[in-house]
C-alpha atoms as a PDB file:
ATOM      1  CA  MET A   1      40.949  32.979  -9.145  1.00  0.00           C
ATOM      2  CA  LEU A   2      39.295  31.623  -5.999  1.00  0.00           C
ATOM      3  CA  ALA A   3      37.947  35.035  -5.044  1.00  0.00           C
ATOM      4  CA  HIS A   4      36.425  35.512  -8.494  1.00  0.00           C
ATOM      5  CA  LEU A   5      34.697  32.128  -8.303  1.00  0.00           C
ATOM      6  CA  ARG A   6      33.330  32.877  -4.834  1.00  0.00           C
ATOM      7  CA  VAL A   7      32.002  36.294  -5.877  1.00  0.00           C
ATOM      8  CA  ALA A   8      30.295  34.760  -8.906  1.00  0.00           C
ATOM      9  CA  GLY A   9      28.901  31.911  -6.812  1.00  0.00           C
ATOM     10  CA  LEU A  10      30.632  29.325  -9.008  1.00  0.00           C
ATOM     11  CA  GLY A  11      32.775  26.296  -8.368  1.00  0.00           C
ATOM     12  CA  ALA A  12      35.190  24.142 -10.326  1.00  0.00           C
ATOM     13  CA  LEU A  13      35.869  20.429 -10.624  1.00  0.00           C
ATOM     14  CA  ALA A  14      39.611  19.870 -10.785  1.00  0.00           C
ATOM     15  CA  ASP A  15      42.133  17.073 -10.949  1.00  0.00           C
ATOM     16  CA  LEU A  16      44.532  16.189  -8.153  1.00  0.00           C
ATOM     17  CA  GLY A  17      47.074  18.687  -9.474  1.00  0.00           C
ATOM     18  CA  LEU A  18      45.061  21.486  -7.872  1.00  0.00           C
ATOM     19  CA  ARG A  19      44.632  19.711  -4.550  1.00  0.00           C
ATOM     20  CA  GLY A  20      45.408  22.031  -1.668  1.00  0.00           C
ATOM     21  CA  LEU A  21      44.741  25.210  -3.647  1.00  0.00           C
ATOM     22  CA  ASP A  22      41.420  25.750  -1.881  1.00  0.00           C
ATOM     23  CA  ASN A  23      41.686  24.921   1.814  1.00  0.00           C
ATOM     24  CA  ASP A  24      38.251  26.246   2.813  1.00  0.00           C
ATOM     25  CA  ILE A  25      36.639  23.013   4.026  1.00  0.00           C
ATOM     26  CA  ARG A  26      33.258  24.582   4.844  1.00  0.00           C
ATOM     27  CA  ASP A  27      32.772  26.311   1.478  1.00  0.00           C
ATOM     28  CA  PRO A  28      35.111  24.829  -1.139  1.00  0.00           C
ATOM     29  CA  VAL A  29      35.191  26.420  -4.562  1.00  0.00           C
ATOM     30  CA  ILE A  30      37.526  23.891  -6.138  1.00  0.00           C
ATOM     31  CA  VAL A  31      36.553  20.255  -5.720  1.00  0.00           C
ATOM     32  CA  THR A  32      39.274  17.661  -6.198  1.00  0.00           C
ATOM     33  CA  GLY A  33      39.376  13.933  -5.669  1.00  0.00           C
ATOM     34  CA  TYR A  34      41.071  11.852  -3.029  1.00  0.00           C
ATOM     35  CA  ALA A  35      44.667  10.681  -3.413  1.00  0.00           C
ATOM     36  CA  ALA A  36      45.894   7.299  -2.268  1.00  0.00           C
ATOM     37  CA  THR A  37      49.379   6.667  -0.931  1.00  0.00           C
ATOM     38  CA  ARG A  38      51.260   3.545  -0.072  1.00  0.00           C
ATOM     39  CA  THR A  39      50.203   3.852   3.535  1.00  0.00           C
ATOM     40  CA  HIS A  40      46.710   5.271   2.980  1.00  0.00           C
ATOM     41  CA  LYS A  41      44.403   3.249   0.763  1.00  0.00           C
ATOM     42  CA  LEU A  42      41.175   4.804  -0.429  1.00  0.00           C
ATOM     43  CA  THR A  43      37.901   3.707   1.082  1.00  0.00           C
ATOM     44  CA  ALA A  44      35.037   2.545  -1.128  1.00  0.00           C
ATOM     45  CA  GLY A  45      33.317   5.903  -0.587  1.00  0.00           C
ATOM     46  CA  GLN A  46      36.420   7.838  -1.622  1.00  0.00           C
ATOM     47  CA  LYS A  47      36.803   5.699  -4.745  1.00  0.00           C
ATOM     48  CA  GLU A  48      33.165   6.356  -5.624  1.00  0.00           C
ATOM     49  CA  ALA A  49      33.642  10.104  -5.060  1.00  0.00           C
ATOM     50  CA  ASN A  50      36.653  10.041  -7.415  1.00  0.00           C
ATOM     51  CA  ARG A  51      34.598   8.158 -10.007  1.00  0.00           C
ATOM     52  CA  VAL A  52      31.737  10.670  -9.844  1.00  0.00           C
ATOM     53  CA  LEU A  53      34.213  13.535 -10.132  1.00  0.00           C
ATOM     54  CA  ALA A  54      35.848  11.913 -13.171  1.00  0.00           C
ATOM     55  CA  VAL A  55      32.461  11.441 -14.843  1.00  0.00           C
ATOM     56  CA  GLY A  56      31.735  15.151 -14.351  1.00  0.00           C
ATOM     57  CA  ARG A  57      35.109  16.231 -15.698  1.00  0.00           C
ATOM     58  CA  ALA A  58      35.270  13.887 -18.708  1.00  0.00           C
ATOM     59  CA  PRO A  59      33.130  15.941 -21.133  1.00  0.00           C
ATOM     60  CA  VAL A  60      35.146  19.072 -20.375  1.00  0.00           C
ATOM     61  CA  GLU A  61      38.444  17.245 -20.879  1.00  0.00           C
ATOM     62  CA  HIS A  62      37.187  15.829 -24.190  1.00  0.00           C
ATOM     63  CA  GLY A  63      36.067  19.305 -25.269  1.00  0.00           C
ATOM     64  CA  PHE A  64      39.505  20.762 -24.548  1.00  0.00           C
ATOM     65  CA  ALA A  65      41.154  17.882 -26.389  1.00  0.00           C
ATOM     66  CA  HIS A  66      39.036  18.567 -29.465  1.00  0.00           C
ATOM     67  CA  LEU A  67      39.670  22.317 -29.291  1.00  0.00           C
ATOM     68  CA  LYS A  68      43.418  21.687 -29.402  1.00  0.00           C
ATOM     69  CA  ASN A  69      42.933  20.522 -32.994  1.00  0.00           C
ATOM     70  CA  TRP A  70      41.984  24.081 -34.027  1.00  0.00           C
ATOM     71  CA  ARG A  71      45.305  25.844 -34.685  1.00  0.00           C
ATOM     72  CA  ILE A  72      43.613  29.242 -34.876  1.00  0.00           C
ATOM     73  CA  LEU A  73      43.306  29.199 -31.088  1.00  0.00           C
ATOM     74  CA  THR A  74      47.108  29.346 -30.695  1.00  0.00           C
ATOM     75  CA  LYS A  75      47.088  32.792 -32.321  1.00  0.00           C
ATOM     76  CA  LEU A  76      43.905  34.100 -30.741  1.00  0.00           C
ATOM     77  CA  ARG A  77      44.319  37.668 -29.482  1.00  0.00           C
ATOM     78  CA  THR A  78      40.880  39.100 -28.829  1.00  0.00           C
ATOM     79  CA  ASP A  79      38.573  40.130 -26.027  1.00  0.00           C
ATOM     80  CA  PRO A  80      36.925  37.352 -23.966  1.00  0.00           C
ATOM     81  CA  ALA A  81      33.425  37.961 -25.397  1.00  0.00           C
ATOM     82  CA  ARG A  82      34.595  37.339 -28.964  1.00  0.00           C
ATOM     83  CA  ALA A  83      36.711  34.395 -27.855  1.00  0.00           C
ATOM     84  CA  THR A  84      33.656  32.839 -26.202  1.00  0.00           C
ATOM     85  CA  GLN A  85      31.652  33.170 -29.424  1.00  0.00           C
ATOM     86  CA  LEU A  86      34.508  31.629 -31.416  1.00  0.00           C
ATOM     87  CA  LEU A  87      34.874  28.732 -28.964  1.00  0.00           C
ATOM     88  CA  ARG A  88      31.152  28.019 -29.088  1.00  0.00           C
ATOM     89  CA  ALA A  89      31.234  27.940 -32.882  1.00  0.00           C
ATOM     90  CA  LEU A  90      34.269  25.648 -32.891  1.00  0.00           C
ATOM     91  CA  LEU A  91      32.619  23.293 -30.398  1.00  0.00           C
ATOM     92  CA  VAL A  92      29.550  23.057 -32.652  1.00  0.00           C
ATOM     93  CA  LEU A  93      31.757  22.316 -35.659  1.00  0.00           C
ATOM     94  CA  THR A  94      33.741  19.779 -33.662  1.00  0.00           C
ATOM     95  CA  LYS A  95      30.572  18.037 -32.475  1.00  0.00           C
ATOM     96  CA  LEU A  96      29.316  17.867 -36.078  1.00  0.00           C
ATOM     97  CA  ALA A  97      32.642  16.394 -37.216  1.00  0.00           C
ATOM     98  CA  VAL A  98      32.706  13.838 -34.382  1.00  0.00           C
ATOM     99  CA  ASN A  99      29.133  12.730 -35.045  1.00  0.00           C
ATOM    100  CA  ARG A 100      29.880  12.021 -38.734  1.00  0.00           C
END
């Protein structure tokens, strides 16, 4: 996965569950937040970085949450190009339903 992202010149915003997956500090592909522990409290800058990351991830998380309402996706067996078209159509329908 990391190699594919690097080749495509893309990156990903991820939650703390993927922390440590990408250890390339100079050219990270996966950006995660900072984790606090009992002995290590977050600085104001780290808290702000986590907030900015959460703001960037929120629309994607909401989109996935809405897509889970479409049961057809549980039985989807098609090539990625057709799946992308279907997902785009479902997102448009979901946005229309949410805006009502």
